[in-house]
């Protein structure tokens, strides 16, 4: 029986990860190691300034007072008795499209798994672009779709990529293999005054500006397709390096 590690950035108690666990444990050996509270938009942040504590919630379910990346690292080095065959991060309550992959704790969990050389899938549920009402999410259907895609991916040769799955509701029941689109926004900075007259600030999400190019993840979900993207872990652009080398050729300070 194959072993799976589940994590997320919504907390171990989230309906997203719980629905996925219930369905997956019928066929796989499932471990859950997830934050003890919501850790959205935290990417691959690590906790360095205070100790981490592990709490066993039930058999094979653990909460950690840290980030999603903390959870993956602790799971791999201190909890799981063996290396898992696959890591799933999610199901997230809301989209992780385009530039979201740089901020998302859900995608950060999949990236963390990738750094251990383990195939990893980030999963997000969408109930209307830009809307995050939990009551609109179809958890059971989302879990069923995720399991079917996971089963296919587990028979597939993995080539140093992270998989990013976005499931809109309603959807047409078809999968579109997509590139990352363009989703630009400037966060709202909301200013308030506390009872002592001092300023404090809330960082909001702002209003995203979606660029709907055919074949992108944004185009897919807008057209009710289930979007499956890959994120290639390559931080170097050969073309840009050649251009920069040309600009600095014979350059001296």
C-alpha atoms as a PDB file:
ATOM      1  CA  UNK A   1       0.000   0.000   0.000  1.00  0.00           C
ATOM      2  CA  UNK A   2       1.375   3.389  -1.011  1.00  0.00           C
ATOM      3  CA  UNK A   3       1.952   6.094   1.599  1.00  0.00           C
ATOM      4  CA  UNK A   4       0.677   9.667   1.239  1.00  0.00           C
ATOM      5  CA  UNK A   5       1.433  12.782   3.265  1.00  0.00           C
ATOM      6  CA  UNK A   6      -1.298  15.431   3.462  1.00  0.00           C
ATOM      7  CA  UNK A   7      -0.698  19.005   4.560  1.00  0.00           C
ATOM      8  CA  UNK A   8      -2.314  22.401   3.958  1.00  0.00           C
ATOM      9  CA  UNK A   9      -2.292  26.054   4.985  1.00  0.00           C
ATOM     10  CA  UNK A  10      -5.879  26.177   6.321  1.00  0.00           C
ATOM     11  CA  UNK A  11      -5.202  24.091   9.432  1.00  0.00           C
ATOM     12  CA  UNK A  12      -5.506  20.387  10.219  1.00  0.00           C
ATOM     13  CA  UNK A  13      -9.222  20.818  11.051  1.00  0.00           C
ATOM     14  CA  UNK A  14     -10.164  22.214   7.615  1.00  0.00           C
ATOM     15  CA  UNK A  15     -12.970  20.481   5.712  1.00  0.00           C
ATOM     16  CA  UNK A  16     -10.711  20.443   2.663  1.00  0.00           C
ATOM     17  CA  UNK A  17      -7.979  18.260   4.128  1.00  0.00           C
ATOM     18  CA  UNK A  18     -10.456  16.171   6.143  1.00  0.00           C
ATOM     19  CA  UNK A  19     -12.563  15.304   3.073  1.00  0.00           C
ATOM     20  CA  UNK A  20      -9.437  14.344   1.174  1.00  0.00           C
ATOM     21  CA  UNK A  21      -8.147  12.171   4.012  1.00  0.00           C
ATOM     22  CA  UNK A  22     -11.452  10.270   4.377  1.00  0.00           C
ATOM     23  CA  UNK A  23     -11.472   9.317   0.706  1.00  0.00           C
ATOM     24  CA  UNK A  24      -7.759   8.603   0.309  1.00  0.00           C
ATOM     25  CA  UNK A  25      -7.411   6.344   3.345  1.00  0.00           C
ATOM     26  CA  UNK A  26      -9.704   3.812   1.661  1.00  0.00           C
ATOM     27  CA  UNK A  27      -6.842   2.968  -0.723  1.00  0.00           C
ATOM     28  CA  UNK A  28      -3.676   4.431   0.776  1.00  0.00           C
ATOM     29  CA  UNK A  29      -1.746   4.721   4.012  1.00  0.00           C
ATOM     30  CA  UNK A  30      -2.409   8.381   4.853  1.00  0.00           C
ATOM     31  CA  UNK A  31      -0.587  10.715   7.236  1.00  0.00           C
ATOM     32  CA  UNK A  32      -1.783  14.251   8.010  1.00  0.00           C
ATOM     33  CA  UNK A  33       0.711  16.809   9.312  1.00  0.00           C
ATOM     34  CA  UNK A  34      -0.708  20.323   9.096  1.00  0.00           C
ATOM     35  CA  UNK A  35      -0.668  23.675  10.904  1.00  0.00           C
ATOM     36  CA  UNK A  36      -2.675  24.049  14.092  1.00  0.00           C
ATOM     37  CA  UNK A  37      -4.288  27.209  12.673  1.00  0.00           C
ATOM     38  CA  UNK A  38      -4.707  28.995   9.350  1.00  0.00           C
ATOM     39  CA  UNK A  39      -1.413  29.966   7.710  1.00  0.00           C
ATOM     40  CA  UNK A  40      -2.574  31.349   4.374  1.00  0.00           C
ATOM     41  CA  UNK A  41      -0.319  33.380   2.044  1.00  0.00           C
ATOM     42  CA  UNK A  42       2.816  32.235   3.842  1.00  0.00           C
ATOM     43  CA  UNK A  43       4.520  30.505   0.900  1.00  0.00           C
ATOM     44  CA  UNK A  44       7.535  28.422   2.069  1.00  0.00           C
ATOM     45  CA  UNK A  45       8.241  30.416   5.234  1.00  0.00           C
ATOM     46  CA  UNK A  46      10.042  28.605   8.044  1.00  0.00           C
ATOM     47  CA  UNK A  47       9.670  29.291  11.772  1.00  0.00           C
ATOM     48  CA  UNK A  48      13.060  30.336  13.158  1.00  0.00           C
ATOM     49  CA  UNK A  49      12.359  32.456  16.228  1.00  0.00           C
ATOM     50  CA  UNK A  50      10.333  30.169  18.466  1.00  0.00           C
ATOM     51  CA  UNK A  51      10.197  26.413  19.082  1.00  0.00           C
ATOM     52  CA  UNK A  52       7.797  24.161  17.206  1.00  0.00           C
ATOM     53  CA  UNK A  53       5.523  21.741  19.032  1.00  0.00           C
ATOM     54  CA  UNK A  54       3.805  18.672  17.650  1.00  0.00           C
ATOM     55  CA  UNK A  55       0.402  17.560  18.871  1.00  0.00           C
ATOM     56  CA  UNK A  56      -0.978  14.144  17.949  1.00  0.00           C
ATOM     57  CA  UNK A  57      -4.686  14.741  17.282  1.00  0.00           C
ATOM     58  CA  UNK A  58      -5.532  11.128  16.416  1.00  0.00           C
ATOM     59  CA  UNK A  59      -3.850   8.162  14.752  1.00  0.00           C
ATOM     60  CA  UNK A  60      -1.619   9.464  11.946  1.00  0.00           C
ATOM     61  CA  UNK A  61      -2.943  13.024  12.337  1.00  0.00           C
ATOM     62  CA  UNK A  62      -0.635  15.689  13.764  1.00  0.00           C
ATOM     63  CA  UNK A  63      -0.874  19.447  14.179  1.00  0.00           C
ATOM     64  CA  UNK A  64       2.159  21.728  14.334  1.00  0.00           C
ATOM     65  CA  UNK A  65       2.309  25.302  15.622  1.00  0.00           C
ATOM     66  CA  UNK A  66       4.150  26.411  12.514  1.00  0.00           C
ATOM     67  CA  UNK A  67       3.897  26.957   8.786  1.00  0.00           C
ATOM     68  CA  UNK A  68       3.048  24.520   6.019  1.00  0.00           C
ATOM     69  CA  UNK A  69       6.733  24.170   5.143  1.00  0.00           C
ATOM     70  CA  UNK A  70       7.511  23.500   8.818  1.00  0.00           C
ATOM     71  CA  UNK A  71       4.929  20.712   8.752  1.00  0.00           C
ATOM     72  CA  UNK A  72       6.475  19.022   5.719  1.00  0.00           C
ATOM     73  CA  UNK A  73       9.970  19.203   7.198  1.00  0.00           C
ATOM     74  CA  UNK A  74       8.872  17.862  10.575  1.00  0.00           C
ATOM     75  CA  UNK A  75       6.787  15.135   8.935  1.00  0.00           C
ATOM     76  CA  UNK A  76       9.706  13.973   6.817  1.00  0.00           C
ATOM     77  CA  UNK A  77      12.315  14.040   9.555  1.00  0.00           C
ATOM     78  CA  UNK A  78      10.451  13.324  12.791  1.00  0.00           C
ATOM     79  CA  UNK A  79       7.034  11.744  12.211  1.00  0.00           C
ATOM     80  CA  UNK A  80       6.731   9.525   9.147  1.00  0.00           C
ATOM     81  CA  UNK A  81       8.468   6.160   9.515  1.00  0.00           C
ATOM     82  CA  UNK A  82       9.270   6.091   5.804  1.00  0.00           C
ATOM     83  CA  UNK A  83       9.378   8.377   2.792  1.00  0.00           C
ATOM     84  CA  UNK A  84       5.887   8.928   1.328  1.00  0.00           C
ATOM     85  CA  UNK A  85       5.149   8.101  -2.286  1.00  0.00           C
ATOM     86  CA  UNK A  86       3.332  11.387  -2.867  1.00  0.00           C
ATOM     87  CA  UNK A  87       2.586  14.638  -1.029  1.00  0.00           C
ATOM     88  CA  UNK A  88      -0.710  16.481  -1.366  1.00  0.00           C
ATOM     89  CA  UNK A  89      -1.161  20.029  -0.093  1.00  0.00           C
ATOM     90  CA  UNK A  90      -4.797  21.120   0.254  1.00  0.00           C
ATOM     91  CA  UNK A  91      -7.608  21.119  -0.543  1.00  0.00           C
ATOM     92  CA  UNK A  92      -7.318  24.878  -0.205  1.00  0.00           C
ATOM     93  CA  UNK A  93     -10.425  26.999   0.284  1.00  0.00           C
ATOM     94  CA  UNK A  94      -9.939  29.364  -2.649  1.00  0.00           C
ATOM     95  CA  UNK A  95      -7.999  29.706  -5.870  1.00  0.00           C
ATOM     96  CA  UNK A  96      -4.251  29.442  -6.340  1.00  0.00           C
ATOM     97  CA  UNK A  97      -3.820  30.680  -9.890  1.00  0.00           C
ATOM     98  CA  UNK A  98      -1.022  32.401 -11.748  1.00  0.00           C
ATOM     99  CA  UNK A  99       1.103  34.632  -9.472  1.00  0.00           C
ATOM    100  CA  UNK A 100      -0.661  33.163  -6.420  1.00  0.00           C
ATOM    101  CA  UNK A 101       1.928  30.371  -6.560  1.00  0.00           C
ATOM    102  CA  UNK A 102       4.528  32.780  -5.132  1.00  0.00           C
ATOM    103  CA  UNK A 103       2.435  33.568  -2.032  1.00  0.00           C
ATOM    104  CA  UNK A 104       0.370  30.455  -1.445  1.00  0.00           C
ATOM    105  CA  UNK A 105       1.064  28.300   1.588  1.00  0.00           C
ATOM    106  CA  UNK A 106      -0.722  25.481  -0.231  1.00  0.00           C
ATOM    107  CA  UNK A 107       1.696  25.640  -3.152  1.00  0.00           C
ATOM    108  CA  UNK A 108       4.519  26.192  -0.656  1.00  0.00           C
ATOM    109  CA  UNK A 109       3.689  22.817   0.886  1.00  0.00           C
ATOM    110  CA  UNK A 110       4.004  21.135  -2.496  1.00  0.00           C
ATOM    111  CA  UNK A 111       7.292  22.954  -3.148  1.00  0.00           C
ATOM    112  CA  UNK A 112       8.591  21.727   0.210  1.00  0.00           C
ATOM    113  CA  UNK A 113       7.783  18.152  -0.745  1.00  0.00           C
ATOM    114  CA  UNK A 114       9.497  18.619  -4.082  1.00  0.00           C
ATOM    115  CA  UNK A 115      12.703  19.657  -2.296  1.00  0.00           C
ATOM    116  CA  UNK A 116      12.725  16.186  -0.726  1.00  0.00           C
ATOM    117  CA  UNK A 117      12.470  14.639  -4.178  1.00  0.00           C
ATOM    118  CA  UNK A 118       8.846  13.555  -3.687  1.00  0.00           C
ATOM    119  CA  UNK A 119       6.138  14.105  -6.325  1.00  0.00           C
ATOM    120  CA  UNK A 120       3.828  16.783  -4.949  1.00  0.00           C
ATOM    121  CA  UNK A 121       0.413  18.189  -5.824  1.00  0.00           C
ATOM    122  CA  UNK A 122      -1.181  21.425  -4.591  1.00  0.00           C
ATOM    123  CA  UNK A 123      -5.000  21.352  -4.688  1.00  0.00           C
ATOM    124  CA  UNK A 124      -7.363  24.327  -4.525  1.00  0.00           C
ATOM    125  CA  UNK A 125     -11.145  24.615  -4.701  1.00  0.00           C
ATOM    126  CA  UNK A 126     -12.775  27.613  -6.384  1.00  0.00           C
ATOM    127  CA  UNK A 127     -16.285  28.884  -5.738  1.00  0.00           C
ATOM    128  CA  UNK A 128     -16.267  31.820  -8.155  1.00  0.00           C
ATOM    129  CA  UNK A 129     -13.101  33.783  -8.919  1.00  0.00           C
ATOM    130  CA  UNK A 130     -12.242  36.145  -6.108  1.00  0.00           C
ATOM    131  CA  UNK A 131     -14.928  34.704  -3.798  1.00  0.00           C
ATOM    132  CA  UNK A 132     -13.997  32.674  -0.724  1.00  0.00           C
ATOM    133  CA  UNK A 133     -17.289  31.658   0.905  1.00  0.00           C
ATOM    134  CA  UNK A 134     -16.605  28.273   2.498  1.00  0.00           C
ATOM    135  CA  UNK A 135     -20.248  27.178   2.255  1.00  0.00           C
ATOM    136  CA  UNK A 136     -19.957  27.235  -1.549  1.00  0.00           C
ATOM    137  CA  UNK A 137     -17.152  24.675  -1.727  1.00  0.00           C
ATOM    138  CA  UNK A 138     -17.986  21.141  -2.866  1.00  0.00           C
ATOM    139  CA  UNK A 139     -15.633  19.193  -0.620  1.00  0.00           C
ATOM    140  CA  UNK A 140     -16.690  15.634  -1.467  1.00  0.00           C
ATOM    141  CA  UNK A 141     -16.691  16.251  -5.220  1.00  0.00           C
ATOM    142  CA  UNK A 142     -13.371  18.062  -4.956  1.00  0.00           C
ATOM    143  CA  UNK A 143     -11.867  15.104  -3.111  1.00  0.00           C
ATOM    144  CA  UNK A 144     -13.213  12.647  -5.696  1.00  0.00           C
ATOM    145  CA  UNK A 145     -11.719  14.659  -8.555  1.00  0.00           C
ATOM    146  CA  UNK A 146      -8.390  14.982  -6.737  1.00  0.00           C
ATOM    147  CA  UNK A 147      -8.167  11.241  -6.072  1.00  0.00           C
ATOM    148  CA  UNK A 148      -8.793  10.400  -9.744  1.00  0.00           C
ATOM    149  CA  UNK A 149      -6.104  12.836 -10.858  1.00  0.00           C
ATOM    150  CA  UNK A 150      -3.699  11.564  -8.188  1.00  0.00           C
ATOM    151  CA  UNK A 151      -4.179   7.987  -9.360  1.00  0.00           C
ATOM    152  CA  UNK A 152      -3.253   9.042 -12.897  1.00  0.00           C
ATOM    153  CA  UNK A 153      -0.247  11.055 -11.726  1.00  0.00           C
ATOM    154  CA  UNK A 154       1.038   8.119  -9.691  1.00  0.00           C
ATOM    155  CA  UNK A 155       1.388   6.109 -12.911  1.00  0.00           C
ATOM    156  CA  UNK A 156       3.156   8.989 -14.636  1.00  0.00           C
ATOM    157  CA  UNK A 157       6.894   9.654 -14.858  1.00  0.00           C
ATOM    158  CA  UNK A 158       7.680  12.776 -12.829  1.00  0.00           C
ATOM    159  CA  UNK A 159      10.274  15.179 -14.172  1.00  0.00           C
ATOM    160  CA  UNK A 160      11.254  17.715 -11.519  1.00  0.00           C
ATOM    161  CA  UNK A 161       7.972  19.612 -11.457  1.00  0.00           C
ATOM    162  CA  UNK A 162       5.283  20.559  -8.941  1.00  0.00           C
ATOM    163  CA  UNK A 163       1.642  19.999  -9.908  1.00  0.00           C
ATOM    164  CA  UNK A 164      -0.936  22.719  -9.258  1.00  0.00           C
ATOM    165  CA  UNK A 165      -4.605  21.722  -9.424  1.00  0.00           C
ATOM    166  CA  UNK A 166      -7.490  24.224  -9.338  1.00  0.00           C
ATOM    167  CA  UNK A 167     -11.035  22.837  -9.270  1.00  0.00           C
ATOM    168  CA  UNK A 168     -13.851  25.313 -10.001  1.00  0.00           C
ATOM    169  CA  UNK A 169     -17.484  24.746  -9.084  1.00  0.00           C
ATOM    170  CA  UNK A 170     -19.470  24.285 -11.158  1.00  0.00           C
ATOM    171  CA  UNK A 171     -17.170  22.573 -13.683  1.00  0.00           C
ATOM    172  CA  UNK A 172     -17.601  20.689 -16.941  1.00  0.00           C
ATOM    173  CA  UNK A 173     -15.875  17.539 -15.667  1.00  0.00           C
ATOM    174  CA  UNK A 174     -12.926  17.921 -18.053  1.00  0.00           C
ATOM    175  CA  UNK A 175      -9.263  18.580 -17.274  1.00  0.00           C
ATOM    176  CA  UNK A 176      -7.278  21.257 -19.071  1.00  0.00           C
ATOM    177  CA  UNK A 177      -3.495  21.035 -18.827  1.00  0.00           C
ATOM    178  CA  UNK A 178      -2.596  24.702 -18.518  1.00  0.00           C
ATOM    179  CA  UNK A 179       0.149  27.252 -18.259  1.00  0.00           C
ATOM    180  CA  UNK A 180       0.114  29.902 -15.536  1.00  0.00           C
ATOM    181  CA  UNK A 181      -1.889  32.964 -16.520  1.00  0.00           C
ATOM    182  CA  UNK A 182      -1.561  36.546 -15.340  1.00  0.00           C
ATOM    183  CA  UNK A 183      -3.263  37.726 -12.170  1.00  0.00           C
ATOM    184  CA  UNK A 184      -2.017  41.072 -10.989  1.00  0.00           C
ATOM    185  CA  UNK A 185      -3.204  43.003  -7.993  1.00  0.00           C
ATOM    186  CA  UNK A 186      -1.930  45.446  -5.418  1.00  0.00           C
ATOM    187  CA  UNK A 187      -3.015  44.561  -1.867  1.00  0.00           C
ATOM    188  CA  UNK A 188      -5.243  47.026  -0.063  1.00  0.00           C
ATOM    189  CA  UNK A 189      -3.537  48.606   2.954  1.00  0.00           C
ATOM    190  CA  UNK A 190      -6.346  49.491   5.349  1.00  0.00           C
ATOM    191  CA  UNK A 191      -5.493  52.002   8.058  1.00  0.00           C
ATOM    192  CA  UNK A 192      -7.205  52.051  11.455  1.00  0.00           C
ATOM    193  CA  UNK A 193      -6.704  53.734  14.846  1.00  0.00           C
ATOM    194  CA  UNK A 194      -6.494  51.679  18.043  1.00  0.00           C
ATOM    195  CA  UNK A 195      -8.045  52.823  21.393  1.00  0.00           C
ATOM    196  CA  UNK A 196      -4.786  54.547  22.334  1.00  0.00           C
ATOM    197  CA  UNK A 197      -4.750  56.623  19.162  1.00  0.00           C
ATOM    198  CA  UNK A 198      -2.008  54.658  17.424  1.00  0.00           C
ATOM    199  CA  UNK A 199      -2.240  53.623  13.789  1.00  0.00           C
ATOM    200  CA  UNK A 200      -2.412  49.999  12.748  1.00  0.00           C
ATOM    201  CA  UNK A 201      -2.903  48.374   9.361  1.00  0.00           C
ATOM    202  CA  UNK A 202      -4.650  45.419   7.740  1.00  0.00           C
ATOM    203  CA  UNK A 203      -3.310  43.996   4.493  1.00  0.00           C
ATOM    204  CA  UNK A 204      -6.202  43.095   2.172  1.00  0.00           C
ATOM    205  CA  UNK A 205      -6.198  41.134  -1.074  1.00  0.00           C
ATOM    206  CA  UNK A 206      -7.209  44.030  -3.325  1.00  0.00           C
ATOM    207  CA  UNK A 207      -9.068  43.482  -6.573  1.00  0.00           C
ATOM    208  CA  UNK A 208      -7.244  41.070  -8.929  1.00  0.00           C
ATOM    209  CA  UNK A 209      -6.859  41.933 -12.597  1.00  0.00           C
ATOM    210  CA  UNK A 210      -7.123  38.654 -14.516  1.00  0.00           C
ATOM    211  CA  UNK A 211      -5.589  38.213 -17.968  1.00  0.00           C
ATOM    212  CA  UNK A 212      -7.560  35.506 -19.764  1.00  0.00           C
ATOM    213  CA  UNK A 213      -5.252  33.980 -22.369  1.00  0.00           C
ATOM    214  CA  UNK A 214      -6.507  30.738 -23.879  1.00  0.00           C
ATOM    215  CA  UNK A 215      -4.665  27.757 -22.432  1.00  0.00           C
ATOM    216  CA  UNK A 216      -3.884  29.444 -19.120  1.00  0.00           C
ATOM    217  CA  UNK A 217      -5.131  28.329 -15.717  1.00  0.00           C
ATOM    218  CA  UNK A 218      -7.311  31.439 -15.430  1.00  0.00           C
ATOM    219  CA  UNK A 219      -8.866  30.821 -18.849  1.00  0.00           C
ATOM    220  CA  UNK A 220      -9.546  27.217 -17.846  1.00  0.00           C
ATOM    221  CA  UNK A 221     -11.440  27.934 -14.637  1.00  0.00           C
ATOM    222  CA  UNK A 222     -13.334  30.819 -16.236  1.00  0.00           C
ATOM    223  CA  UNK A 223     -14.539  28.299 -18.807  1.00  0.00           C
ATOM    224  CA  UNK A 224     -15.400  25.714 -16.121  1.00  0.00           C
ATOM    225  CA  UNK A 225     -12.464  23.391 -16.828  1.00  0.00           C
ATOM    226  CA  UNK A 226     -10.458  21.764 -14.051  1.00  0.00           C
ATOM    227  CA  UNK A 227      -6.978  23.267 -14.366  1.00  0.00           C
ATOM    228  CA  UNK A 228      -3.845  21.140 -13.952  1.00  0.00           C
ATOM    229  CA  UNK A 229      -0.587  23.084 -14.260  1.00  0.00           C
ATOM    230  CA  UNK A 230       3.054  22.326 -13.712  1.00  0.00           C
ATOM    231  CA  UNK A 231       5.527  24.582 -11.978  1.00  0.00           C
ATOM    232  CA  UNK A 232       9.056  23.949 -13.183  1.00  0.00           C
ATOM    233  CA  UNK A 233      11.657  24.502 -10.495  1.00  0.00           C
ATOM    234  CA  UNK A 234      14.264  26.327 -12.563  1.00  0.00           C
ATOM    235  CA  UNK A 235      15.439  29.680 -11.262  1.00  0.00           C
ATOM    236  CA  UNK A 236      17.674  30.450 -14.242  1.00  0.00           C
ATOM    237  CA  UNK A 237      16.807  31.865 -17.653  1.00  0.00           C
ATOM    238  CA  UNK A 238      19.524  31.072 -20.206  1.00  0.00           C
ATOM    239  CA  UNK A 239      18.314  33.769 -22.584  1.00  0.00           C
ATOM    240  CA  UNK A 240      18.375  36.434 -19.872  1.00  0.00           C
ATOM    241  CA  UNK A 241      21.802  35.276 -18.647  1.00  0.00           C
ATOM    242  CA  UNK A 242      23.200  35.615 -22.178  1.00  0.00           C
ATOM    243  CA  UNK A 243      21.655  39.090 -22.501  1.00  0.00           C
ATOM    244  CA  UNK A 244      23.057  40.165 -19.139  1.00  0.00           C
ATOM    245  CA  UNK A 245      26.482  38.732 -19.987  1.00  0.00           C
ATOM    246  CA  UNK A 246      26.479  40.770 -23.179  1.00  0.00           C
ATOM    247  CA  UNK A 247      25.552  43.934 -21.289  1.00  0.00           C
ATOM    248  CA  UNK A 248      28.353  43.441 -18.767  1.00  0.00           C
ATOM    249  CA  UNK A 249      30.992  42.188 -21.210  1.00  0.00           C
ATOM    250  CA  UNK A 250      34.226  44.078 -20.497  1.00  0.00           C
ATOM    251  CA  UNK A 251      32.421  46.133 -17.848  1.00  0.00           C
ATOM    252  CA  UNK A 252      34.705  47.363 -15.063  1.00  0.00           C
ATOM    253  CA  UNK A 253      34.009  49.368 -11.922  1.00  0.00           C
END
